[in-house]
Every structure is written in structure tokens, then in C-alpha cells.
N, C-alpha and C. Protein backbone atom coordinates (compact mmCIF):
# COMPACT_ATOMS: atom_id res chain seq x y z
N UNK A 1 99.03 90.13 123.49
CA UNK A 1 99.65 91.34 122.91
C UNK A 1 98.82 91.79 121.71
N UNK A 2 98.50 93.07 121.69
CA UNK A 2 97.80 93.64 120.54
C UNK A 2 98.77 94.54 119.78
N UNK A 3 98.71 94.45 118.47
CA UNK A 3 99.62 95.22 117.63
C UNK A 3 98.82 96.12 116.71
N UNK A 4 99.14 97.41 116.74
CA UNK A 4 98.47 98.38 115.89
C UNK A 4 99.47 98.93 114.89
N UNK A 5 99.23 98.64 113.64
CA UNK A 5 100.15 99.07 112.59
C UNK A 5 99.58 100.28 111.86
N UNK A 6 100.47 101.10 111.36
CA UNK A 6 100.07 102.25 110.56
C UNK A 6 101.15 102.52 109.52
N UNK A 7 100.78 103.30 108.54
CA UNK A 7 101.71 103.61 107.46
C UNK A 7 101.34 102.82 106.22
N UNK A 8 102.26 102.72 105.31
CA UNK A 8 101.99 102.03 104.06
C UNK A 8 101.42 102.98 103.04
N UNK A 9 101.00 102.44 101.90
CA UNK A 9 100.44 103.25 100.85
C UNK A 9 101.08 102.92 99.52
N UNK A 10 100.96 103.86 98.61
CA UNK A 10 101.47 103.66 97.25
C UNK A 10 102.57 104.66 96.96
N UNK A 11 103.59 104.21 96.26
CA UNK A 11 104.72 105.07 95.93
C UNK A 11 105.36 104.57 94.64
N UNK A 12 106.05 105.45 93.96
CA UNK A 12 106.80 105.05 92.77
C UNK A 12 108.14 104.44 93.18
N UNK A 13 108.68 103.65 92.31
CA UNK A 13 110.00 103.05 92.56
C UNK A 13 111.01 104.15 92.88
N UNK A 14 111.82 103.88 93.88
CA UNK A 14 112.79 104.85 94.34
C UNK A 14 112.31 105.70 95.48
N UNK A 15 111.03 105.64 95.76
CA UNK A 15 110.44 106.43 96.83
C UNK A 15 110.62 105.79 98.19
N UNK A 16 110.04 106.43 99.19
CA UNK A 16 110.18 105.99 100.57
C UNK A 16 108.82 105.93 101.25
N UNK A 17 108.73 105.02 102.20
CA UNK A 17 107.56 104.92 103.07
C UNK A 17 108.04 104.53 104.46
N UNK A 18 107.18 104.79 105.44
CA UNK A 18 107.50 104.43 106.82
C UNK A 18 106.32 103.70 107.43
N UNK A 19 106.60 102.56 108.04
CA UNK A 19 105.60 101.79 108.76
C UNK A 19 105.87 101.89 110.26
N UNK A 20 104.79 101.98 111.02
CA UNK A 20 104.92 102.03 112.47
C UNK A 20 104.03 100.98 113.09
N UNK A 21 104.47 100.45 114.22
CA UNK A 21 103.70 99.44 114.93
C UNK A 21 103.83 99.69 116.42
N UNK A 22 102.69 99.70 117.12
CA UNK A 22 102.68 99.89 118.56
C UNK A 22 102.07 98.68 119.23
N UNK A 23 102.73 98.20 120.28
CA UNK A 23 102.25 97.03 121.01
C UNK A 23 101.58 97.46 122.30
N UNK A 24 100.56 96.74 122.66
CA UNK A 24 99.88 96.98 123.94
C UNK A 24 99.46 95.63 124.51
N UNK A 25 99.07 95.65 125.76
CA UNK A 25 98.68 94.40 126.41
C UNK A 25 99.84 93.86 127.21
N UNK A 26 100.14 92.59 127.06
CA UNK A 26 101.18 91.92 127.84
C UNK A 26 102.56 92.19 127.26
N UNK A 27 102.93 93.48 127.24
CA UNK A 27 104.17 93.87 126.57
C UNK A 27 105.40 93.40 127.31
N UNK A 28 105.27 93.08 128.58
CA UNK A 28 106.41 92.59 129.33
C UNK A 28 106.90 91.24 128.87
N UNK A 29 106.10 90.53 128.11
CA UNK A 29 106.49 89.20 127.65
C UNK A 29 107.04 89.21 126.23
N UNK A 30 107.20 90.39 125.66
CA UNK A 30 107.68 90.48 124.27
C UNK A 30 109.18 90.21 124.22
N UNK A 31 109.56 89.32 123.34
CA UNK A 31 110.97 88.98 123.16
C UNK A 31 111.50 89.43 121.80
N UNK A 32 110.64 89.95 120.97
CA UNK A 32 111.07 90.43 119.66
C UNK A 32 109.92 91.12 118.96
N UNK A 33 110.26 92.07 118.09
CA UNK A 33 109.25 92.75 117.28
C UNK A 33 109.83 93.02 115.92
N UNK A 34 108.95 93.22 114.96
CA UNK A 34 109.43 93.57 113.64
C UNK A 34 108.35 93.47 112.60
N UNK A 35 108.78 93.20 111.39
CA UNK A 35 107.87 93.18 110.25
C UNK A 35 108.13 91.98 109.35
N UNK A 36 107.03 91.41 108.86
CA UNK A 36 107.03 90.41 107.82
C UNK A 36 106.20 90.96 106.66
N UNK A 37 106.30 90.31 105.53
CA UNK A 37 105.46 90.72 104.40
C UNK A 37 105.04 89.50 103.59
N UNK A 38 103.94 89.68 102.87
CA UNK A 38 103.44 88.61 102.01
C UNK A 38 102.97 89.21 100.70
N UNK A 39 103.65 88.84 99.65
CA UNK A 39 103.28 89.26 98.30
C UNK A 39 102.26 88.27 97.75
N UNK A 40 101.51 88.69 96.74
CA UNK A 40 100.51 87.81 96.15
C UNK A 40 101.10 86.47 95.71
N UNK A 41 100.45 85.41 96.06
CA UNK A 41 100.85 84.06 95.68
C UNK A 41 102.21 83.64 96.25
N UNK A 42 102.65 84.33 97.28
CA UNK A 42 103.93 83.97 97.92
C UNK A 42 103.73 83.75 99.40
N UNK A 43 104.67 83.07 100.01
CA UNK A 43 104.62 82.85 101.45
C UNK A 43 105.00 84.12 102.20
N UNK A 44 104.54 84.19 103.42
CA UNK A 44 104.95 85.30 104.27
C UNK A 44 106.44 85.17 104.58
N UNK A 45 107.16 86.30 104.51
CA UNK A 45 108.59 86.27 104.72
C UNK A 45 109.03 87.36 105.67
N UNK A 46 110.12 87.10 106.35
CA UNK A 46 110.69 88.08 107.27
C UNK A 46 111.24 89.26 106.49
N UNK A 47 110.98 90.45 107.00
CA UNK A 47 111.56 91.67 106.44
C UNK A 47 112.66 92.17 107.38
N UNK A 48 112.30 92.45 108.61
CA UNK A 48 113.27 92.92 109.61
C UNK A 48 112.68 92.70 110.99
N UNK A 49 113.49 92.15 111.88
CA UNK A 49 113.04 91.93 113.25
C UNK A 49 114.16 92.31 114.20
N UNK A 50 113.77 92.74 115.38
CA UNK A 50 114.74 93.04 116.44
C UNK A 50 114.34 92.22 117.67
N UNK A 51 115.34 91.65 118.32
CA UNK A 51 115.09 90.84 119.50
C UNK A 51 115.49 91.60 120.74
N UNK A 52 115.05 91.17 121.89
CA UNK A 52 115.22 91.94 123.12
C UNK A 52 116.67 92.19 123.45
N UNK A 53 117.58 91.32 123.01
CA UNK A 53 118.99 91.57 123.28
C UNK A 53 119.60 92.54 122.27
N UNK A 54 118.77 93.08 121.35
CA UNK A 54 119.22 94.11 120.44
C UNK A 54 119.65 93.64 119.07
N UNK A 55 119.69 92.35 118.87
CA UNK A 55 120.10 91.80 117.59
C UNK A 55 119.01 92.04 116.55
N UNK A 56 119.38 92.66 115.44
CA UNK A 56 118.43 92.95 114.37
C UNK A 56 118.78 92.13 113.14
N UNK A 57 117.78 91.52 112.55
CA UNK A 57 117.95 90.72 111.35
C UNK A 57 117.16 91.33 110.21
N UNK A 58 117.79 91.45 109.05
CA UNK A 58 117.14 91.94 107.85
C UNK A 58 117.16 90.86 106.77
N UNK A 59 116.12 90.85 105.96
CA UNK A 59 116.15 90.02 104.76
C UNK A 59 117.23 90.57 103.84
N UNK A 60 117.90 89.68 103.13
CA UNK A 60 118.96 90.13 102.22
C UNK A 60 118.42 91.13 101.20
N UNK A 61 117.19 90.94 100.79
CA UNK A 61 116.63 91.77 99.74
C UNK A 61 116.39 93.22 100.17
N UNK A 62 116.40 93.49 101.48
CA UNK A 62 116.13 94.85 101.95
C UNK A 62 117.34 95.50 102.63
N UNK A 63 118.39 94.75 102.82
CA UNK A 63 119.58 95.31 103.47
C UNK A 63 120.08 96.53 102.72
N UNK A 64 120.39 97.57 103.48
CA UNK A 64 120.87 98.80 102.89
C UNK A 64 119.77 99.74 102.44
N UNK A 65 118.54 99.26 102.43
CA UNK A 65 117.42 100.09 102.00
C UNK A 65 116.41 100.32 103.12
N UNK A 66 116.23 99.33 103.94
CA UNK A 66 115.24 99.41 105.02
C UNK A 66 115.99 99.52 106.35
N UNK A 67 115.40 100.27 107.28
CA UNK A 67 115.96 100.41 108.62
C UNK A 67 114.86 100.22 109.65
N UNK A 68 115.13 99.32 110.59
CA UNK A 68 114.19 99.05 111.66
C UNK A 68 114.67 99.75 112.92
N UNK A 69 113.79 100.52 113.53
CA UNK A 69 114.14 101.18 114.79
C UNK A 69 113.06 100.86 115.82
N UNK A 70 113.52 100.69 117.05
CA UNK A 70 112.59 100.36 118.12
C UNK A 70 112.67 101.35 119.26
N UNK A 71 111.56 101.58 119.90
CA UNK A 71 111.52 102.43 121.08
C UNK A 71 110.93 101.58 122.20
N UNK A 72 111.81 101.07 123.05
CA UNK A 72 111.34 100.16 124.09
C UNK A 72 110.45 100.86 125.09
N UNK A 73 110.63 102.16 125.28
CA UNK A 73 109.81 102.89 126.23
C UNK A 73 108.37 103.00 125.73
N UNK A 74 108.23 103.12 124.42
CA UNK A 74 106.90 103.25 123.83
C UNK A 74 106.39 101.93 123.26
N UNK A 75 107.24 100.90 123.29
CA UNK A 75 106.88 99.59 122.72
C UNK A 75 106.43 99.72 121.27
N UNK A 76 107.25 100.40 120.51
CA UNK A 76 106.96 100.59 119.10
C UNK A 76 108.16 100.16 118.26
N UNK A 77 107.88 99.81 117.04
CA UNK A 77 108.93 99.58 116.05
C UNK A 77 108.52 100.28 114.78
N UNK A 78 109.47 100.94 114.17
CA UNK A 78 109.24 101.62 112.90
C UNK A 78 110.12 101.00 111.82
N UNK A 79 109.60 100.93 110.63
CA UNK A 79 110.37 100.43 109.50
C UNK A 79 110.43 101.53 108.46
N UNK A 80 111.62 102.11 108.31
CA UNK A 80 111.83 103.11 107.28
C UNK A 80 112.27 102.40 106.01
N UNK A 81 111.52 102.58 104.96
CA UNK A 81 111.78 101.89 103.70
C UNK A 81 112.17 102.92 102.64
N UNK A 82 113.41 102.85 102.21
CA UNK A 82 113.92 103.77 101.19
C UNK A 82 114.23 103.02 99.91
N UNK A 83 114.33 103.76 98.82
CA UNK A 83 114.65 103.17 97.52
C UNK A 83 113.77 101.95 97.24
N UNK A 84 112.49 102.15 97.40
CA UNK A 84 111.55 101.04 97.22
C UNK A 84 111.54 100.55 95.79
N UNK A 85 111.33 99.25 95.64
CA UNK A 85 111.29 98.60 94.34
C UNK A 85 109.93 97.94 94.14
N UNK A 86 109.54 97.72 92.90
CA UNK A 86 108.24 97.05 92.67
C UNK A 86 108.14 95.72 93.38
N UNK A 87 109.24 95.02 93.52
CA UNK A 87 109.20 93.72 94.20
C UNK A 87 109.00 93.84 95.70
N UNK A 88 108.99 95.05 96.22
CA UNK A 88 108.66 95.25 97.63
C UNK A 88 107.14 95.32 97.85
N UNK A 89 106.40 95.32 96.77
CA UNK A 89 104.95 95.35 96.89
C UNK A 89 104.44 94.12 97.63
N UNK A 90 103.69 94.36 98.69
CA UNK A 90 103.20 93.26 99.53
C UNK A 90 102.32 93.83 100.62
N UNK A 91 101.66 92.93 101.34
CA UNK A 91 101.01 93.29 102.59
C UNK A 91 102.03 93.09 103.70
N UNK A 92 102.26 94.12 104.46
CA UNK A 92 103.24 94.08 105.54
C UNK A 92 102.53 93.87 106.87
N UNK A 93 103.09 92.95 107.65
CA UNK A 93 102.49 92.60 108.94
C UNK A 93 103.45 92.90 110.08
N UNK A 94 102.96 93.61 111.06
CA UNK A 94 103.73 93.79 112.28
C UNK A 94 103.73 92.47 113.05
N UNK A 95 104.84 92.15 113.68
CA UNK A 95 105.01 90.88 114.39
C UNK A 95 105.62 91.13 115.76
N UNK A 96 105.17 90.38 116.72
CA UNK A 96 105.78 90.38 118.04
C UNK A 96 105.81 88.95 118.55
N UNK A 97 106.92 88.61 119.19
CA UNK A 97 107.03 87.26 119.73
C UNK A 97 106.93 87.29 121.24
N UNK A 98 105.98 86.59 121.79
CA UNK A 98 105.87 86.40 123.22
C UNK A 98 106.24 84.95 123.49
N UNK A 99 105.30 84.12 123.70
CA UNK A 99 105.57 82.68 123.74
C UNK A 99 104.91 82.04 122.53
N UNK A 100 104.79 82.85 121.50
CA UNK A 100 104.19 82.47 120.23
C UNK A 100 104.20 83.70 119.34
N UNK A 101 103.77 83.51 118.13
CA UNK A 101 103.73 84.63 117.19
C UNK A 101 102.45 85.44 117.36
N UNK A 102 102.61 86.75 117.34
CA UNK A 102 101.48 87.67 117.37
C UNK A 102 101.55 88.54 116.14
N UNK A 103 100.42 88.76 115.51
CA UNK A 103 100.40 89.51 114.26
C UNK A 103 99.45 90.70 114.36
N UNK A 104 99.86 91.80 113.77
CA UNK A 104 98.98 92.94 113.60
C UNK A 104 98.19 92.82 112.31
N UNK A 105 97.32 93.76 112.09
CA UNK A 105 96.59 93.75 110.82
C UNK A 105 97.57 94.13 109.73
N UNK A 106 97.40 93.64 108.57
CA UNK A 106 98.30 93.93 107.47
C UNK A 106 98.09 95.32 106.92
N UNK A 107 99.15 95.87 106.39
CA UNK A 107 99.06 97.17 105.72
C UNK A 107 99.71 97.03 104.35
N UNK A 108 99.02 97.51 103.34
CA UNK A 108 99.46 97.30 101.97
C UNK A 108 100.48 98.34 101.54
N UNK A 109 101.55 97.85 100.96
CA UNK A 109 102.56 98.71 100.34
C UNK A 109 102.59 98.38 98.86
N UNK A 110 102.39 99.38 98.04
CA UNK A 110 102.38 99.18 96.59
C UNK A 110 103.44 100.08 95.97
N UNK A 111 104.35 99.49 95.23
CA UNK A 111 105.42 100.24 94.57
C UNK A 111 105.27 100.06 93.07
N UNK A 112 105.07 101.15 92.39
CA UNK A 112 104.90 101.11 90.94
C UNK A 112 106.20 101.47 90.23
N UNK A 113 106.36 100.92 89.08
CA UNK A 113 107.61 101.17 88.32
C UNK A 113 107.49 102.43 87.48
């Protein structure tokens, strides 16, 4: 599975950004898609993921601010990020689960105060 991510950038606190990810290749084996992030000197952490049965999981820190939407026909997932905070600054990685983890290239999100 290949993952192509787009979006990201720099914004002031309170602003919004949208990340998009498109999967290609062995998409029939995908059991989940979503986004993780990694801030400087921190471990990579889950942001929001959706599984094939429709169950969506959000990190507590983004609940109510971020929304993950998927288009199964296009094999894409979008992450709408509203009311961004400086602590959301990180490299965001698109993720897809087949019989292992698949990662897209990271995209940097920078939120200034």
C-alpha cells in the first residue's frame, strides 16, 4: 500500500488546517486508515483512525476539534483540524493497516501562539 499525504502548513492558534491522504496499491487489504503525529523529542502517537467496520478513535487531546472523514470509494481519509493549539505542532503521518503498519511521508503542521 502506498500512501500520499497532502496538506499541513503553518497557522496561528485557533486556526484550521486540513490533511488528506490517498491510498493506492493493495487497497483491498486495508483494515484501517488514519493519522498519527510525532512532536519533537516525543513518541509517535495516534491522532485519529477509522477501521473498516466504521469505528473511529480519536486521541483525547483532539476530541471535539479534529474530525476524520473517509471516502471508501476513493480510498482517502481527510483530517479536518479546527481550533488548533501550539501543542498540536508535529509531523503528521498518514497510516494504513493491512497486515502491518504502512506509513505515508510526514507532513509538518506548525501552530504558533
